[in-house]
Amino acid sequence: MNIEILLGVLLTAAICGLLAYLAALLLKTRQGLLGYVGAGLLGMGIGMWFAGVIDATSWPYTLIIGSASVHLLWTFAGALLVLFLFRWVPRSAR
């Protein structure tokens, strides 16, 4: 594995975690660090899927790190959706 690819993946996870943290501040929820990273990465996948559905993948705010790209708007929207869903799931069901 190339060190540039590894750093790109780690920076992508860190940026997704930061965006999920900002979404959690908006929803006034608390998660652990891995929860934010997981919500951010899952939100990136959901957000990019939604952007593909409405054909809006070329919108601005794209950050390119090595060979990976992070669409900031769709990652934030997806992380907000993931954290919103986790907020309304009862703890006994998790």
Protein backbone atom coordinates (compact mmCIF):
# COMPACT_ATOMS: atom_id res chain seq x y z
CA MET A 1 0.00 0.00 0.00
CA ASN A 2 1.29 3.39 -0.95
CA ILE A 3 1.75 5.91 1.87
CA GLU A 4 -0.08 8.56 -0.17
CA ILE A 5 -3.17 6.36 -0.41
CA LEU A 6 -3.05 5.61 3.31
CA LEU A 7 -2.79 9.30 4.20
CA GLY A 8 -5.62 10.09 1.79
CA VAL A 9 -7.89 7.54 3.46
CA LEU A 10 -6.99 8.77 6.97
CA LEU A 11 -7.53 12.41 6.05
CA THR A 12 -10.82 11.54 4.37
CA ALA A 13 -11.97 9.76 7.55
CA ALA A 14 -10.87 12.74 9.67
CA ILE A 15 -12.72 15.24 7.49
CA CYS A 16 -15.85 13.07 7.47
CA GLY A 17 -15.63 12.79 11.26
CA LEU A 18 -15.32 16.57 11.58
CA LEU A 19 -18.36 17.13 9.39
CA ALA A 20 -20.32 14.58 11.42
CA TYR A 21 -19.25 16.38 14.62
CA LEU A 22 -20.59 19.65 13.20
CA ALA A 23 -23.84 17.88 12.29
CA ALA A 24 -24.03 16.50 15.84
CA LEU A 25 -23.63 20.00 17.26
CA LEU A 26 -26.56 21.07 15.13
CA LEU A 27 -28.67 18.16 16.44
CA LYS A 28 -27.35 18.52 20.01
CA THR A 29 -26.34 14.84 20.25
CA ARG A 30 -23.22 13.22 21.70
CA GLN A 31 -21.24 10.35 20.21
CA GLY A 32 -17.76 8.97 20.64
CA LEU A 33 -14.91 9.71 18.25
CA LEU A 34 -15.42 6.48 16.33
CA GLY A 35 -19.14 7.24 16.19
CA TYR A 36 -18.44 10.53 14.46
CA VAL A 37 -16.01 8.95 12.00
CA GLY A 38 -18.46 6.13 11.29
CA ALA A 39 -21.37 8.53 10.86
CA GLY A 40 -19.24 10.71 8.60
CA LEU A 41 -18.10 7.86 6.37
CA LEU A 42 -21.60 6.39 6.21
CA GLY A 43 -22.95 9.87 5.56
CA MET A 44 -20.46 10.33 2.74
CA GLY A 45 -21.75 7.14 1.11
CA ILE A 46 -25.40 8.08 1.58
CA GLY A 47 -24.80 11.66 0.46
CA MET A 48 -22.96 10.60 -2.69
CA TRP A 49 -25.70 8.10 -3.48
CA PHE A 50 -28.32 10.83 -3.11
CA ALA A 51 -26.23 13.23 -5.22
CA GLY A 52 -26.07 10.58 -7.94
CA VAL A 53 -29.83 10.07 -7.79
CA ILE A 54 -30.56 13.76 -8.33
CA ASP A 55 -27.56 14.15 -10.70
CA ALA A 56 -25.77 16.76 -8.58
CA THR A 57 -22.32 15.20 -8.15
CA SER A 58 -20.58 18.13 -9.84
CA TRP A 59 -21.68 20.70 -7.25
CA PRO A 60 -18.92 22.72 -5.59
CA TYR A 61 -17.12 22.12 -2.31
CA THR A 62 -15.14 19.07 -3.38
CA LEU A 63 -11.91 18.40 -1.52
CA ILE A 64 -9.40 16.17 -3.33
CA ILE A 65 -6.84 14.34 -1.18
CA GLY A 66 -4.46 12.14 -3.12
CA SER A 67 -6.70 9.84 -5.13
CA ALA A 68 -9.75 10.32 -2.86
CA SER A 69 -12.29 13.09 -3.09
CA VAL A 70 -14.70 14.29 -0.42
CA HIS A 71 -17.80 16.21 -1.42
CA LEU A 72 -18.26 18.37 1.66
CA LEU A 73 -21.89 19.34 1.09
CA TRP A 74 -23.12 15.78 0.50
CA THR A 75 -21.00 14.35 3.31
CA PHE A 76 -22.45 16.88 5.75
CA ALA A 77 -26.01 16.21 4.56
CA GLY A 78 -25.54 12.44 4.80
CA ALA A 79 -23.94 12.64 8.25
CA LEU A 80 -26.79 14.86 9.42
CA LEU A 81 -29.27 12.25 8.20
CA VAL A 82 -27.39 9.36 9.85
CA LEU A 83 -27.11 11.16 13.19
CA PHE A 84 -30.76 12.21 13.00
CA LEU A 85 -31.79 8.58 12.48
CA PHE A 86 -29.58 7.37 15.34
CA ARG A 87 -31.04 10.03 17.60
CA TRP A 88 -34.55 8.67 17.14
CA VAL A 89 -33.65 4.97 17.48
CA PRO A 90 -34.18 3.87 21.09
CA ARG A 91 -31.07 2.64 22.89
CA SER A 92 -32.65 -0.74 23.59
CA ALA A 93 -32.91 -1.35 19.82
CA ARG A 94 -29.22 -0.61 19.16
